[in-house]
Amino acid sequence: MKEKSVALHFTLAAHDNGKISLKKKRGNMAAQVLDGDALAAQFRQEVAKDVETLKRAGKAPSLVAVQAGDPPASRMYVKKQRQSCEEIGIVYALRQVEESASQDDLLGTIRELNRDASVTGIILQMPLPQGIDAKALQRAIAPEKDVEGMHPANMGLLVYGEPRVVPCTAMAALELFRSIGTPMKGLDVTVVGHSEIVGKPLCLLLLGSVLESATPTVCDVATRDLASKTRAADVLFVAAGKPRLITGDMVKEGAIVIDIGINRAPVLDEQGNPALNDKGKPRKKTVGDVVFEEASERAAYISPVPGGVGPLTVVMLLRNTVSCAQWQQESL
């Protein structure tokens, strides 16, 4: 995909020691907010074209979600998956097993889908019942049908710098950065959070390309003097799952801030107390890991929550589904 052209608010400047930094052109300028919805729409159009190409070649992409029971926490996500797939022509199906299903029952379902040539992608729906080994189930999914990029073989390809399918949220965060159009090479990048689905694969992506290689620092909520690490970052990715972790004074002037966190936090009134709804219960809103209002006064670019990485994550799932279908077509 061609990178979106955006007027940059900073310039690249080399210091005497050769280190590259990002500087704003004008002082105290509010950050430009990155539009994840608009970028997702662009990607969706390209994925839809690839779907049509696969259909003409006789390899229509299809995605099957494997779910144990009907947990309320995943209903909206399943609905969104189905809607997103159907909008661009990907066949979507939900394979539900009983909530009481055993590990072997779920393994049997996945192996059956692995053998089914009409199924090109498999996603394991979370949450799973207590006592089920999710990692063992993810390892059982054939690598070429692993739309979440969590199989050890796909992670291994990422380590080798030859990715085929990459975890969706990590790829979404990187694509949102790329949309700005500034080179990553040589920049100091701090990643806060090192989960298997975001932080770790994101760091591997940052290291995997000679043209894109950055200098990453990996932190988490337990990192001592976290602020010193984040203030040193030209690019700051935050995926710790802790609301308001990164305050404005923890952001370098002119940095690029990609907030990956999605949290439900209480709405506060003017006195700083939890605001209540009509039923007397605390009101809540969706927020990221970064204090947006503070960080946007220092950053050159910042992603909002919601409306930033989230919309792109859904599209990366669609793109991975297409990539898996293409992978299988190559092996025919």
C-alpha atoms as a PDB file:
ATOM      1  CA  MET A   1       0.000   0.000   0.000  1.00  0.00           C
ATOM      2  CA  LYS A   2       1.282   3.445  -0.809  1.00  0.00           C
ATOM      3  CA  GLU A   3       2.069   5.542   2.218  1.00  0.00           C
ATOM      4  CA  LYS A   4      -0.363   8.360   2.862  1.00  0.00           C
ATOM      5  CA  SER A   5       1.096  11.791   2.231  1.00  0.00           C
ATOM      6  CA  VAL A   6       0.916  13.941   5.341  1.00  0.00           C
ATOM      7  CA  ALA A   7       2.554  17.307   5.991  1.00  0.00           C
ATOM      8  CA  LEU A   8       5.142  16.620   8.676  1.00  0.00           C
ATOM      9  CA  HIS A   9       5.261  18.721  11.812  1.00  0.00           C
ATOM     10  CA  PHE A  10       8.878  17.871  12.510  1.00  0.00           C
ATOM     11  CA  THR A  11      12.225  17.703  10.777  1.00  0.00           C
ATOM     12  CA  LEU A  12      14.960  15.125  11.025  1.00  0.00           C
ATOM     13  CA  ALA A  13      18.071  16.638  12.578  1.00  0.00           C
ATOM     14  CA  ALA A  14      21.461  15.041  13.160  1.00  0.00           C
ATOM     15  CA  HIS A  15      23.371  15.954  16.309  1.00  0.00           C
ATOM     16  CA  ASP A  16      27.151  16.029  16.561  1.00  0.00           C
ATOM     17  CA  ASN A  17      27.180  12.451  17.791  1.00  0.00           C
ATOM     18  CA  GLY A  18      25.259  11.313  14.730  1.00  0.00           C
ATOM     19  CA  LYS A  19      22.090  10.397  16.588  1.00  0.00           C
ATOM     20  CA  ILE A  20      18.884  11.315  14.795  1.00  0.00           C
ATOM     21  CA  SER A  21      16.094  13.095  16.613  1.00  0.00           C
ATOM     22  CA  LEU A  22      12.672  14.482  15.784  1.00  0.00           C
ATOM     23  CA  LYS A  23      12.042  18.182  16.237  1.00  0.00           C
ATOM     24  CA  LYS A  24       8.964  20.260  15.697  1.00  0.00           C
ATOM     25  CA  LYS A  25       9.158  23.014  13.131  1.00  0.00           C
ATOM     26  CA  ARG A  26       7.189  25.358  15.367  1.00  0.00           C
ATOM     27  CA  GLY A  27       7.068  25.420  19.137  1.00  0.00           C
ATOM     28  CA  ASN A  28       4.160  24.292  21.289  1.00  0.00           C
ATOM     29  CA  MET A  29       2.033  23.023  18.412  1.00  0.00           C
ATOM     30  CA  ALA A  30      -0.770  20.578  19.146  1.00  0.00           C
ATOM     31  CA  ALA A  31      -0.145  17.122  17.714  1.00  0.00           C
ATOM     32  CA  GLN A  32      -1.740  15.969  14.501  1.00  0.00           C
ATOM     33  CA  VAL A  33      -4.217  13.200  15.327  1.00  0.00           C
ATOM     34  CA  LEU A  34      -3.780  10.056  13.241  1.00  0.00           C
ATOM     35  CA  ASP A  35      -7.025   8.861  11.654  1.00  0.00           C
ATOM     36  CA  GLY A  36      -7.152   5.075  11.979  1.00  0.00           C
ATOM     37  CA  ASP A  37     -10.654   4.888  10.513  1.00  0.00           C
ATOM     38  CA  ALA A  38      -9.631   6.609   7.273  1.00  0.00           C
ATOM     39  CA  LEU A  39      -6.513   4.474   6.898  1.00  0.00           C
ATOM     40  CA  ALA A  40      -8.498   1.315   7.609  1.00  0.00           C
ATOM     41  CA  ALA A  41     -10.924   2.239   4.813  1.00  0.00           C
ATOM     42  CA  GLN A  42      -8.002   2.480   2.373  1.00  0.00           C
ATOM     43  CA  PHE A  43      -6.654  -0.918   3.398  1.00  0.00           C
ATOM     44  CA  ARG A  44     -10.128  -2.437   3.202  1.00  0.00           C
ATOM     45  CA  GLN A  45     -10.446  -1.406  -0.445  1.00  0.00           C
ATOM     46  CA  GLU A  46      -7.137  -3.080  -1.301  1.00  0.00           C
ATOM     47  CA  VAL A  47      -8.018  -6.262   0.600  1.00  0.00           C
ATOM     48  CA  ALA A  48     -11.378  -6.405  -1.216  1.00  0.00           C
ATOM     49  CA  LYS A  49      -9.534  -6.342  -4.554  1.00  0.00           C
ATOM     50  CA  ASP A  50      -7.324  -9.229  -3.423  1.00  0.00           C
ATOM     51  CA  VAL A  51     -10.428 -11.180  -2.382  1.00  0.00           C
ATOM     52  CA  GLU A  52     -11.874 -10.815  -5.878  1.00  0.00           C
ATOM     53  CA  THR A  53      -8.585 -11.944  -7.428  1.00  0.00           C
ATOM     54  CA  LEU A  54      -8.571 -15.075  -5.269  1.00  0.00           C
ATOM     55  CA  LYS A  55     -12.180 -15.835  -6.136  1.00  0.00           C
ATOM     56  CA  ARG A  56     -11.421 -15.635  -9.855  1.00  0.00           C
ATOM     57  CA  ALA A  57      -8.546 -18.055  -9.286  1.00  0.00           C
ATOM     58  CA  GLY A  58     -10.883 -20.504  -7.533  1.00  0.00           C
ATOM     59  CA  LYS A  59      -9.507 -19.974  -4.018  1.00  0.00           C
ATOM     60  CA  ALA A  60     -12.202 -17.972  -2.233  1.00  0.00           C
ATOM     61  CA  PRO A  61     -10.934 -16.916   1.219  1.00  0.00           C
ATOM     62  CA  SER A  62     -12.944 -18.090   4.208  1.00  0.00           C
ATOM     63  CA  LEU A  63     -12.563 -17.582   7.938  1.00  0.00           C
ATOM     64  CA  VAL A  64     -13.876 -19.893  10.651  1.00  0.00           C
ATOM     65  CA  ALA A  65     -13.950 -18.773  14.281  1.00  0.00           C
ATOM     66  CA  VAL A  66     -13.776 -21.539  16.872  1.00  0.00           C
ATOM     67  CA  GLN A  67     -15.653 -20.654  20.052  1.00  0.00           C
ATOM     68  CA  ALA A  68     -16.418 -22.561  23.242  1.00  0.00           C
ATOM     69  CA  GLY A  69     -19.889 -21.713  24.521  1.00  0.00           C
ATOM     70  CA  ASP A  70     -21.299 -18.216  24.027  1.00  0.00           C
ATOM     71  CA  PRO A  71     -19.305 -15.864  26.295  1.00  0.00           C
ATOM     72  CA  PRO A  72     -20.830 -12.352  26.373  1.00  0.00           C
ATOM     73  CA  ALA A  73     -17.342 -10.804  26.257  1.00  0.00           C
ATOM     74  CA  SER A  74     -16.806 -12.001  22.686  1.00  0.00           C
ATOM     75  CA  ARG A  75     -20.259 -11.481  21.140  1.00  0.00           C
ATOM     76  CA  MET A  76     -19.574  -7.994  19.827  1.00  0.00           C
ATOM     77  CA  TYR A  77     -16.185  -9.052  18.464  1.00  0.00           C
ATOM     78  CA  VAL A  78     -17.713 -12.027  16.633  1.00  0.00           C
ATOM     79  CA  LYS A  79     -20.414  -9.774  15.210  1.00  0.00           C
ATOM     80  CA  LYS A  80     -17.770  -7.303  14.012  1.00  0.00           C
ATOM     81  CA  GLN A  81     -15.707 -10.102  12.473  1.00  0.00           C
ATOM     82  CA  ARG A  82     -18.680 -11.416  10.523  1.00  0.00           C
ATOM     83  CA  GLN A  83     -19.737  -7.970   9.335  1.00  0.00           C
ATOM     84  CA  SER A  84     -16.200  -6.998   8.268  1.00  0.00           C
ATOM     85  CA  CYS A  85     -15.674 -10.258   6.371  1.00  0.00           C
ATOM     86  CA  GLU A  86     -19.013 -10.140   4.583  1.00  0.00           C
ATOM     87  CA  GLU A  87     -18.472  -6.522   3.518  1.00  0.00           C
ATOM     88  CA  ILE A  88     -15.496  -7.512   1.368  1.00  0.00           C
ATOM     89  CA  GLY A  89     -16.606 -10.976   0.305  1.00  0.00           C
ATOM     90  CA  ILE A  90     -14.802 -13.253   2.762  1.00  0.00           C
ATOM     91  CA  VAL A  91     -16.928 -16.230   3.808  1.00  0.00           C
ATOM     92  CA  TYR A  92     -17.290 -16.247   7.597  1.00  0.00           C
ATOM     93  CA  ALA A  93     -18.528 -19.036   9.862  1.00  0.00           C
ATOM     94  CA  LEU A  94     -18.698 -19.511  13.617  1.00  0.00           C
ATOM     95  CA  ARG A  95     -17.979 -23.054  14.832  1.00  0.00           C
ATOM     96  CA  GLN A  96     -19.317 -23.266  18.365  1.00  0.00           C
ATOM     97  CA  VAL A  97     -18.651 -26.178  20.694  1.00  0.00           C
ATOM     98  CA  GLU A  98     -20.182 -26.718  24.111  1.00  0.00           C
ATOM     99  CA  GLU A  99     -18.765 -24.652  26.950  1.00  0.00           C
ATOM    100  CA  SER A 100     -18.076 -27.946  28.677  1.00  0.00           C
ATOM    101  CA  ALA A 101     -15.949 -29.135  25.738  1.00  0.00           C
ATOM    102  CA  SER A 102     -12.613 -30.661  26.671  1.00  0.00           C
ATOM    103  CA  GLN A 103      -9.164 -29.789  25.345  1.00  0.00           C
ATOM    104  CA  ASP A 104      -9.353 -32.834  23.089  1.00  0.00           C
ATOM    105  CA  ASP A 105     -12.755 -31.773  21.746  1.00  0.00           C
ATOM    106  CA  LEU A 106     -11.367 -28.380  20.725  1.00  0.00           C
ATOM    107  CA  LEU A 107      -8.240 -29.949  19.267  1.00  0.00           C
ATOM    108  CA  GLY A 108     -10.424 -32.277  17.220  1.00  0.00           C
ATOM    109  CA  THR A 109     -12.406 -29.327  15.845  1.00  0.00           C
ATOM    110  CA  ILE A 110      -9.238 -27.480  14.836  1.00  0.00           C
ATOM    111  CA  ARG A 111      -7.737 -30.557  13.163  1.00  0.00           C
ATOM    112  CA  GLU A 112     -10.963 -31.068  11.231  1.00  0.00           C
ATOM    113  CA  LEU A 113     -10.792 -27.471   9.972  1.00  0.00           C
ATOM    114  CA  ASN A 114      -7.110 -27.928   9.087  1.00  0.00           C
ATOM    115  CA  ARG A 115      -8.096 -30.782   6.777  1.00  0.00           C
ATOM    116  CA  ASP A 116     -10.976 -28.866   5.183  1.00  0.00           C
ATOM    117  CA  ALA A 117      -9.634 -27.315   1.976  1.00  0.00           C
ATOM    118  CA  SER A 118     -12.573 -24.891   1.797  1.00  0.00           C
ATOM    119  CA  VAL A 119     -11.424 -23.261   5.043  1.00  0.00           C
ATOM    120  CA  THR A 120      -8.494 -20.911   4.458  1.00  0.00           C
ATOM    121  CA  GLY A 121      -8.341 -19.229   7.872  1.00  0.00           C
ATOM    122  CA  ILE A 122      -8.958 -20.234  11.494  1.00  0.00           C
ATOM    123  CA  ILE A 123      -9.239 -17.955  14.513  1.00  0.00           C
ATOM    124  CA  LEU A 124      -9.512 -19.153  18.102  1.00  0.00           C
ATOM    125  CA  GLN A 125     -12.110 -17.002  19.838  1.00  0.00           C
ATOM    126  CA  MET A 126     -11.328 -15.755  23.322  1.00  0.00           C
ATOM    127  CA  PRO A 127     -12.072 -16.103  26.166  1.00  0.00           C
ATOM    128  CA  LEU A 128     -11.831 -19.855  26.533  1.00  0.00           C
ATOM    129  CA  PRO A 129     -13.281 -21.848  29.468  1.00  0.00           C
ATOM    130  CA  GLN A 130     -11.135 -22.286  32.539  1.00  0.00           C
ATOM    131  CA  GLY A 131      -8.643 -25.123  32.238  1.00  0.00           C
ATOM    132  CA  ILE A 132      -8.260 -24.929  28.443  1.00  0.00           C
ATOM    133  CA  ASP A 133      -4.685 -24.487  27.182  1.00  0.00           C
ATOM    134  CA  ALA A 134      -5.019 -21.715  24.576  1.00  0.00           C
ATOM    135  CA  LYS A 135      -1.385 -21.942  23.468  1.00  0.00           C
ATOM    136  CA  ALA A 136      -1.712 -25.660  22.708  1.00  0.00           C
ATOM    137  CA  LEU A 137      -4.773 -24.927  20.568  1.00  0.00           C
ATOM    138  CA  GLN A 138      -3.002 -22.114  18.718  1.00  0.00           C
ATOM    139  CA  ARG A 139      -0.078 -24.438  18.011  1.00  0.00           C
ATOM    140  CA  ALA A 140      -2.539 -26.953  16.561  1.00  0.00           C
ATOM    141  CA  ILE A 141      -3.781 -24.524  13.893  1.00  0.00           C
ATOM    142  CA  ALA A 142      -1.967 -25.096  10.605  1.00  0.00           C
ATOM    143  CA  PRO A 143       0.527 -22.218  10.087  1.00  0.00           C
ATOM    144  CA  GLU A 144      -0.927 -21.427   6.659  1.00  0.00           C
ATOM    145  CA  LYS A 145      -4.402 -21.033   8.249  1.00  0.00           C
ATOM    146  CA  ASP A 146      -3.239 -19.107  11.316  1.00  0.00           C
ATOM    147  CA  VAL A 147      -4.816 -15.695  10.677  1.00  0.00           C
ATOM    148  CA  GLU A 148      -3.657 -14.348  14.056  1.00  0.00           C
ATOM    149  CA  GLY A 149      -0.003 -15.100  13.368  1.00  0.00           C
ATOM    150  CA  MET A 150       0.447 -16.839  16.721  1.00  0.00           C
ATOM    151  CA  HIS A 151       1.725 -20.241  15.568  1.00  0.00           C
ATOM    152  CA  PRO A 152       5.404 -20.813  16.488  1.00  0.00           C
ATOM    153  CA  ALA A 153       6.234 -21.289  12.803  1.00  0.00           C
ATOM    154  CA  ASN A 154       4.819 -17.865  11.937  1.00  0.00           C
ATOM    155  CA  MET A 155       6.590 -16.282  14.886  1.00  0.00           C
ATOM    156  CA  GLY A 156       9.777 -17.960  13.688  1.00  0.00           C
ATOM    157  CA  LEU A 157       9.402 -16.435  10.231  1.00  0.00           C
ATOM    158  CA  LEU A 158       9.011 -13.065  11.929  1.00  0.00           C
ATOM    159  CA  VAL A 159      12.256 -13.635  13.847  1.00  0.00           C
ATOM    160  CA  TYR A 160      13.992 -14.410  10.542  1.00  0.00           C
ATOM    161  CA  GLY A 161      12.654 -11.203   9.001  1.00  0.00           C
ATOM    162  CA  GLU A 162      10.515 -13.148   6.517  1.00  0.00           C
ATOM    163  CA  PRO A 163       6.983 -12.739   7.937  1.00  0.00           C
ATOM    164  CA  ARG A 164       4.006 -14.352   6.239  1.00  0.00           C
ATOM    165  CA  VAL A 165       1.296 -13.698   8.841  1.00  0.00           C
ATOM    166  CA  VAL A 166       1.860 -11.194  11.680  1.00  0.00           C
ATOM    167  CA  PRO A 167      -0.230 -10.649  14.850  1.00  0.00           C
ATOM    168  CA  CYS A 168      -2.920  -8.167  13.871  1.00  0.00           C
ATOM    169  CA  THR A 169      -2.556  -5.464  16.517  1.00  0.00           C
ATOM    170  CA  ALA A 170       1.226  -5.269  16.215  1.00  0.00           C
ATOM    171  CA  MET A 171       0.952  -4.897  12.439  1.00  0.00           C
ATOM    172  CA  ALA A 172      -1.826  -2.319  12.813  1.00  0.00           C
ATOM    173  CA  ALA A 173       0.334  -0.172  15.092  1.00  0.00           C
ATOM    174  CA  LEU A 174       3.243  -0.262  12.654  1.00  0.00           C
ATOM    175  CA  GLU A 175       1.019   0.540   9.664  1.00  0.00           C
ATOM    176  CA  LEU A 176      -0.398   3.533  11.529  1.00  0.00           C
ATOM    177  CA  PHE A 177       3.148   4.807  12.042  1.00  0.00           C
ATOM    178  CA  ARG A 178       4.022   4.166   8.397  1.00  0.00           C
ATOM    179  CA  SER A 179       1.066   6.275   7.280  1.00  0.00           C
ATOM    180  CA  ILE A 180       2.931   9.376   8.446  1.00  0.00           C
ATOM    181  CA  GLY A 181       5.617   8.781   5.843  1.00  0.00           C
ATOM    182  CA  THR A 182       8.734   9.407   7.930  1.00  0.00           C
ATOM    183  CA  PRO A 183      11.626   6.897   7.814  1.00  0.00           C
ATOM    184  CA  MET A 184      11.973   4.664  10.860  1.00  0.00           C
ATOM    185  CA  LYS A 185      15.646   3.889  10.329  1.00  0.00           C
ATOM    186  CA  GLY A 186      17.916   5.250  13.029  1.00  0.00           C
ATOM    187  CA  LEU A 187      15.167   6.453  15.339  1.00  0.00           C
ATOM    188  CA  ASP A 188      14.986   5.650  19.033  1.00  0.00           C
ATOM    189  CA  VAL A 189      11.769   3.703  19.590  1.00  0.00           C
ATOM    190  CA  THR A 190      10.358   2.740  22.971  1.00  0.00           C
ATOM    191  CA  VAL A 191       7.743  -0.005  23.235  1.00  0.00           C
ATOM    192  CA  VAL A 192       5.901  -0.120  26.561  1.00  0.00           C
ATOM    193  CA  GLY A 193       4.446  -3.618  26.960  1.00  0.00           C
ATOM    194  CA  HIS A 194       5.866  -6.935  25.804  1.00  0.00           C
ATOM    195  CA  SER A 195       2.879  -9.213  25.302  1.00  0.00           C
ATOM    196  CA  GLU A 196       3.006 -12.053  22.786  1.00  0.00           C
ATOM    197  CA  ILE A 197       0.304 -10.475  20.621  1.00  0.00           C
ATOM    198  CA  VAL A 198       1.597  -6.879  20.531  1.00  0.00           C
ATOM    199  CA  GLY A 199       4.871  -5.884  22.180  1.00  0.00           C
ATOM    200  CA  LYS A 200       7.070  -8.824  21.199  1.00  0.00           C
ATOM    201  CA  PRO A 201       5.998  -9.096  17.544  1.00  0.00           C
ATOM    202  CA  LEU A 202       6.125  -5.300  17.206  1.00  0.00           C
ATOM    203  CA  CYS A 203       9.749  -5.280  18.339  1.00  0.00           C
ATOM    204  CA  LEU A 204      10.567  -8.045  15.868  1.00  0.00           C
ATOM    205  CA  LEU A 205       8.936  -6.016  13.100  1.00  0.00           C
ATOM    206  CA  LEU A 206      11.045  -3.012  14.074  1.00  0.00           C
ATOM    207  CA  LEU A 207      14.208  -5.101  13.852  1.00  0.00           C
ATOM    208  CA  GLY A 208      13.266  -7.179  10.829  1.00  0.00           C
ATOM    209  CA  SER A 209      13.985  -4.802   7.960  1.00  0.00           C
ATOM    210  CA  VAL A 210      17.323  -3.210   7.062  1.00  0.00           C
ATOM    211  CA  LEU A 211      15.464  -0.277   5.526  1.00  0.00           C
ATOM    212  CA  GLU A 212      13.193   0.152   8.545  1.00  0.00           C
ATOM    213  CA  SER A 213      15.490  -0.858  11.411  1.00  0.00           C
ATOM    214  CA  ALA A 214      15.066   1.304  14.457  1.00  0.00           C
ATOM    215  CA  THR A 215      16.778   1.191  17.846  1.00  0.00           C
ATOM    216  CA  PRO A 216      14.089  -0.259  20.135  1.00  0.00           C
ATOM    217  CA  THR A 217      13.862  -0.198  23.906  1.00  0.00           C
ATOM    218  CA  VAL A 218      11.327  -2.537  25.500  1.00  0.00           C
ATOM    219  CA  CYS A 219       9.678  -1.627  28.799  1.00  0.00           C
ATOM    220  CA  ASP A 220       6.693  -2.595  30.914  1.00  0.00           C
ATOM    221  CA  VAL A 221       4.806  -1.175  33.875  1.00  0.00           C
ATOM    222  CA  ALA A 222       7.483  -2.526  36.234  1.00  0.00           C
ATOM    223  CA  THR A 223      10.370  -0.790  34.462  1.00  0.00           C
ATOM    224  CA  ARG A 224      12.355   1.387  36.855  1.00  0.00           C
ATOM    225  CA  ASP A 225      12.273   5.065  35.881  1.00  0.00           C
ATOM    226  CA  LEU A 226       9.929   4.387  32.987  1.00  0.00           C
ATOM    227  CA  ALA A 227       9.652   8.122  32.283  1.00  0.00           C
ATOM    228  CA  SER A 228      13.331   8.382  31.364  1.00  0.00           C
ATOM    229  CA  LYS A 229      12.859   5.649  28.747  1.00  0.00           C
ATOM    230  CA  THR A 230       9.733   7.171  27.229  1.00  0.00           C
ATOM    231  CA  ARG A 231      11.162  10.707  27.166  1.00  0.00           C
ATOM    232  CA  ALA A 232      14.115   9.407  25.131  1.00  0.00           C
ATOM    233  CA  ALA A 233      11.838   7.993  22.417  1.00  0.00           C
ATOM    234  CA  ASP A 234      11.438   9.554  18.985  1.00  0.00           C
ATOM    235  CA  VAL A 235       8.602   7.068  18.494  1.00  0.00           C
ATOM    236  CA  LEU A 236       6.597   5.736  21.433  1.00  0.00           C
ATOM    237  CA  PHE A 237       4.370   2.648  21.152  1.00  0.00           C
ATOM    238  CA  VAL A 238       2.313   1.980  24.289  1.00  0.00           C
ATOM    239  CA  ALA A 239       0.548  -1.351  24.807  1.00  0.00           C
ATOM    240  CA  ALA A 240       0.604  -1.946  28.564  1.00  0.00           C
ATOM    241  CA  GLY A 241      -3.129  -2.200  29.211  1.00  0.00           C
ATOM    242  CA  LYS A 242      -3.006   0.385  31.994  1.00  0.00           C
ATOM    243  CA  PRO A 243      -5.099   3.536  31.553  1.00  0.00           C
ATOM    244  CA  ARG A 244      -3.338   6.920  31.849  1.00  0.00           C
ATOM    245  CA  LEU A 245       0.051   5.258  32.316  1.00  0.00           C
ATOM    246  CA  ILE A 246       1.863   7.741  30.067  1.00  0.00           C
ATOM    247  CA  THR A 247       1.405  11.370  31.058  1.00  0.00           C
ATOM    248  CA  GLY A 248       2.387  14.433  29.052  1.00  0.00           C
ATOM    249  CA  ASP A 249       5.684  14.976  30.871  1.00  0.00           C
ATOM    250  CA  MET A 250       6.750  11.446  29.855  1.00  0.00           C
ATOM    251  CA  VAL A 251       6.637  12.304  26.130  1.00  0.00           C
ATOM    252  CA  LYS A 252       9.534  13.805  24.199  1.00  0.00           C
ATOM    253  CA  GLU A 253       8.829  17.096  22.446  1.00  0.00           C
ATOM    254  CA  GLY A 254       8.014  16.325  18.806  1.00  0.00           C
ATOM    255  CA  ALA A 255       7.689  12.556  19.285  1.00  0.00           C
ATOM    256  CA  ILE A 256       5.274  10.238  17.498  1.00  0.00           C
ATOM    257  CA  VAL A 257       2.949   8.501  19.966  1.00  0.00           C
ATOM    258  CA  ILE A 258       1.036   5.354  18.992  1.00  0.00           C
ATOM    259  CA  ASP A 259      -1.390   4.401  21.769  1.00  0.00           C
ATOM    260  CA  ILE A 260      -2.404   0.733  21.461  1.00  0.00           C
ATOM    261  CA  GLY A 261      -4.117   0.370  24.826  1.00  0.00           C
ATOM    262  CA  ILE A 262      -7.883  -0.133  25.098  1.00  0.00           C
ATOM    263  CA  ASN A 263      -9.252   0.301  28.606  1.00  0.00           C
ATOM    264  CA  ARG A 264     -12.561   1.083  30.272  1.00  0.00           C
ATOM    265  CA  ALA A 265     -12.011   3.889  32.762  1.00  0.00           C
ATOM    266  CA  PRO A 266     -14.386   5.905  34.951  1.00  0.00           C
ATOM    267  CA  VAL A 267     -15.546   9.331  33.818  1.00  0.00           C
ATOM    268  CA  LEU A 268     -14.599  11.985  36.395  1.00  0.00           C
ATOM    269  CA  ASP A 269     -16.529  15.120  37.247  1.00  0.00           C
ATOM    270  CA  GLU A 270     -15.019  18.587  37.738  1.00  0.00           C
ATOM    271  CA  GLN A 271     -14.015  17.702  41.288  1.00  0.00           C
ATOM    272  CA  GLY A 272     -12.232  14.562  40.150  1.00  0.00           C
ATOM    273  CA  ASN A 273     -14.860  12.196  41.510  1.00  0.00           C
ATOM    274  CA  PRO A 274     -16.473   9.362  39.508  1.00  0.00           C
ATOM    275  CA  ALA A 275     -19.474  10.674  37.553  1.00  0.00           C
ATOM    276  CA  LEU A 276     -22.651   8.614  37.890  1.00  0.00           C
ATOM    277  CA  ASN A 277     -25.234   7.659  35.280  1.00  0.00           C
ATOM    278  CA  ASP A 278     -29.040   7.774  35.652  1.00  0.00           C
ATOM    279  CA  LYS A 279     -28.951   4.485  37.577  1.00  0.00           C
ATOM    280  CA  GLY A 280     -26.404   5.779  40.076  1.00  0.00           C
ATOM    281  CA  LYS A 281     -23.597   3.647  38.674  1.00  0.00           C
ATOM    282  CA  PRO A 282     -20.162   5.013  37.640  1.00  0.00           C
ATOM    283  CA  ARG A 283     -19.997   6.139  34.018  1.00  0.00           C
ATOM    284  CA  LYS A 284     -17.177   4.710  31.977  1.00  0.00           C
ATOM    285  CA  LYS A 285     -15.454   5.523  28.705  1.00  0.00           C
ATOM    286  CA  THR A 286     -12.893   3.855  26.454  1.00  0.00           C
ATOM    287  CA  VAL A 287      -9.399   5.283  26.872  1.00  0.00           C
ATOM    288  CA  GLY A 288      -5.877   4.326  25.925  1.00  0.00           C
ATOM    289  CA  ASP A 289      -2.709   3.970  27.976  1.00  0.00           C
ATOM    290  CA  VAL A 290      -1.683   7.579  27.219  1.00  0.00           C
ATOM    291  CA  VAL A 291      -3.195  10.740  28.696  1.00  0.00           C
ATOM    292  CA  PHE A 292      -4.216  12.038  25.294  1.00  0.00           C
ATOM    293  CA  GLU A 293      -4.872  15.669  26.243  1.00  0.00           C
ATOM    294  CA  GLU A 294      -1.460  16.067  27.856  1.00  0.00           C
ATOM    295  CA  ALA A 295       0.594  14.073  25.363  1.00  0.00           C
ATOM    296  CA  SER A 296      -0.916  15.846  22.353  1.00  0.00           C
ATOM    297  CA  GLU A 297       0.562  19.134  23.599  1.00  0.00           C
ATOM    298  CA  ARG A 298       4.073  17.725  23.243  1.00  0.00           C
ATOM    299  CA  ALA A 299       3.893  15.149  20.463  1.00  0.00           C
ATOM    300  CA  ALA A 300       4.047  15.859  16.736  1.00  0.00           C
ATOM    301  CA  TYR A 301       1.653  12.992  15.980  1.00  0.00           C
ATOM    302  CA  ILE A 302      -0.583  10.940  18.232  1.00  0.00           C
ATOM    303  CA  SER A 303      -3.141   8.177  17.759  1.00  0.00           C
ATOM    304  CA  PRO A 304      -6.500   8.475  19.543  1.00  0.00           C
ATOM    305  CA  VAL A 305      -8.403   5.809  21.456  1.00  0.00           C
ATOM    306  CA  PRO A 306     -10.831   4.877  20.073  1.00  0.00           C
ATOM    307  CA  GLY A 307     -10.271   5.571  16.370  1.00  0.00           C
ATOM    308  CA  GLY A 308      -6.560   4.852  16.073  1.00  0.00           C
ATOM    309  CA  VAL A 309      -5.038   1.368  16.102  1.00  0.00           C
ATOM    310  CA  GLY A 310      -8.376  -0.379  16.746  1.00  0.00           C
ATOM    311  CA  PRO A 311      -9.970   0.023  13.277  1.00  0.00           C
ATOM    312  CA  LEU A 312      -6.730  -1.072  11.643  1.00  0.00           C
ATOM    313  CA  THR A 313      -6.531  -4.215  13.779  1.00  0.00           C
ATOM    314  CA  VAL A 314      -9.809  -5.466  12.290  1.00  0.00           C
ATOM    315  CA  VAL A 315      -8.528  -4.829   8.765  1.00  0.00           C
ATOM    316  CA  MET A 316      -5.233  -6.604   9.519  1.00  0.00           C
ATOM    317  CA  LEU A 317      -7.295  -9.690  10.412  1.00  0.00           C
ATOM    318  CA  LEU A 318      -8.935  -9.466   6.975  1.00  0.00           C
ATOM    319  CA  ARG A 319      -5.572  -8.968   5.299  1.00  0.00           C
ATOM    320  CA  ASN A 320      -4.131 -11.959   7.155  1.00  0.00           C
ATOM    321  CA  THR A 321      -7.090 -14.065   6.031  1.00  0.00           C
ATOM    322  CA  VAL A 322      -6.308 -13.143   2.434  1.00  0.00           C
ATOM    323  CA  SER A 323      -2.585 -13.783   2.971  1.00  0.00           C
ATOM    324  CA  CYS A 324      -3.357 -17.265   4.277  1.00  0.00           C
ATOM    325  CA  ALA A 325      -5.512 -18.024   1.218  1.00  0.00           C
ATOM    326  CA  GLN A 326      -2.708 -16.809  -1.052  1.00  0.00           C
ATOM    327  CA  TRP A 327      -0.199 -18.963   0.832  1.00  0.00           C
ATOM    328  CA  GLN A 328      -2.360 -22.054   0.291  1.00  0.00           C
ATOM    329  CA  GLN A 329      -2.858 -21.180  -3.367  1.00  0.00           C
ATOM    330  CA  GLU A 330       0.921 -21.068  -3.838  1.00  0.00           C
ATOM    331  CA  SER A 331       1.220 -24.622  -2.520  1.00  0.00           C
ATOM    332  CA  LEU A 332      -1.293 -26.085  -4.989  1.00  0.00           C
END
